Protein backbone atom coordinates (compact mmCIF):
# COMPACT_ATOMS: atom_id res chain seq x y z
CA MET A 1 11.16 25.04 37.05
CA ASP A 2 11.71 27.46 34.18
CA ASP A 3 15.07 25.84 33.37
CA LEU A 4 13.45 22.41 33.12
CA THR A 5 10.76 23.75 30.79
CA PHE A 6 13.41 25.28 28.54
CA ILE A 7 15.32 21.98 28.36
CA VAL A 8 12.19 20.05 27.36
CA VAL A 9 11.32 22.58 24.65
CA ASP A 10 14.93 22.69 23.44
CA ASP A 11 15.02 18.87 23.24
CA ALA A 12 11.71 18.85 21.36
CA VAL A 13 13.09 21.25 18.76
CA PHE A 14 16.26 19.15 18.42
CA MET A 15 14.28 15.91 18.03
CA ARG A 16 12.02 17.49 15.41
CA THR A 17 15.14 18.41 13.41
CA VAL A 18 16.58 14.90 13.79
CA LEU A 19 13.30 13.24 12.81
CA LYS A 20 12.88 15.51 9.78
CA LYS A 21 16.39 14.63 8.60
CA MET A 22 15.75 10.91 9.11
CA LEU A 23 12.47 11.11 7.15
CA ILE A 24 14.22 12.84 4.25
CA GLU A 25 16.94 10.18 4.20
CA ALA A 26 14.36 7.40 4.49
CA SER A 27 12.36 8.88 1.61
CA TYR A 28 15.42 8.80 -0.62
CA GLN A 29 16.12 5.20 0.41
CA VAL A 30 12.60 4.24 -0.62
CA VAL A 31 12.46 6.21 -3.87
CA GLY A 32 16.11 6.19 -4.95
CA GLU A 33 16.39 7.12 -8.61
CA ALA A 34 12.95 5.65 -9.31
CA GLY A 35 10.97 8.80 -8.74
CA ILE A 36 10.98 12.49 -8.05
CA LEU A 37 11.22 13.71 -4.47
CA VAL A 38 9.52 17.01 -3.72
CA ASN A 39 8.88 19.19 -0.71
CA PRO A 40 5.32 18.22 0.28
CA ASP A 41 4.69 21.80 1.41
CA SER A 42 5.65 23.30 -1.95
CA VAL A 43 2.85 23.54 -4.48
CA VAL A 44 5.42 24.72 -7.06
CA GLU A 45 7.66 21.66 -6.62
CA ILE A 46 4.70 19.28 -6.73
CA SER A 47 3.37 20.98 -9.86
CA LYS A 48 6.76 20.82 -11.59
CA ALA A 49 7.13 17.12 -10.76
CA ILE A 50 3.69 16.26 -12.11
CA THR A 51 4.34 18.28 -15.27
CA LYS A 52 7.73 16.58 -15.73
CA ILE A 53 6.08 13.18 -15.65
CA LEU A 54 3.07 14.10 -17.78
CA ASP A 55 5.21 15.86 -20.39
CA GLY A 56 8.02 13.31 -20.13
CA GLU A 57 9.34 11.40 -23.07
CA GLU A 58 8.44 7.74 -23.26
CA ASN A 59 12.05 6.75 -22.48
CA TYR A 60 12.01 8.88 -19.30
CA ILE A 61 8.77 7.31 -18.10
CA ASN A 62 9.88 3.76 -18.97
CA ASN A 63 13.15 4.41 -17.15
CA LEU A 64 11.24 5.44 -14.01
CA ILE A 65 9.11 2.30 -14.28
CA THR A 66 12.15 0.04 -14.66
CA LYS A 67 13.99 1.71 -11.78
CA GLY A 68 10.83 1.50 -9.68
CA LYS A 69 10.58 -2.25 -10.16
CA GLU A 70 14.26 -2.68 -9.28
CA GLN A 71 13.89 -0.44 -6.23
CA ALA A 72 10.86 -2.44 -5.03
CA LYS A 73 12.95 -5.63 -4.96
CA LYS A 74 15.11 -4.12 -2.20
CA PHE A 75 12.23 -4.09 0.27
CA THR A 76 12.08 -7.55 1.75
CA TRP A 77 10.90 -8.15 5.30
CA GLU A 78 14.53 -8.68 6.35
CA ASN A 79 15.69 -5.38 4.84
CA SER A 80 12.73 -3.48 6.28
CA THR A 81 13.45 -4.87 9.74
CA LYS A 82 17.11 -3.84 9.48
CA LEU A 83 16.13 -0.32 8.40
CA LEU A 84 13.80 0.08 11.39
CA GLU A 85 16.47 -1.21 13.75
CA ASP A 86 18.94 1.34 12.35
CA ILE A 87 16.44 4.16 12.83
CA TYR A 88 15.75 3.16 16.44
CA GLU A 89 19.50 2.98 17.15
CA MET A 90 19.93 6.54 15.83
CA MET A 91 17.35 7.83 18.33
């Protein structure tokens, strides 16, 4: 019984690592170069990102806006379905 418990816990740790990696990759696919990705647990990273945007030059901000609009065009229902299918196949 103890061996079975260890296997379940070990698998849970492994799956948490896999899911975390998939979420990071998915975040980049959504944001691309159209934003700033930060560690959501890091107040310092979040603060730096906000400051970068608020203190950013107009060209930097307009560039993010343009890239954001282009990035948004990638997310059709067909592409979203394909992405979900790929994620399920990885599991």
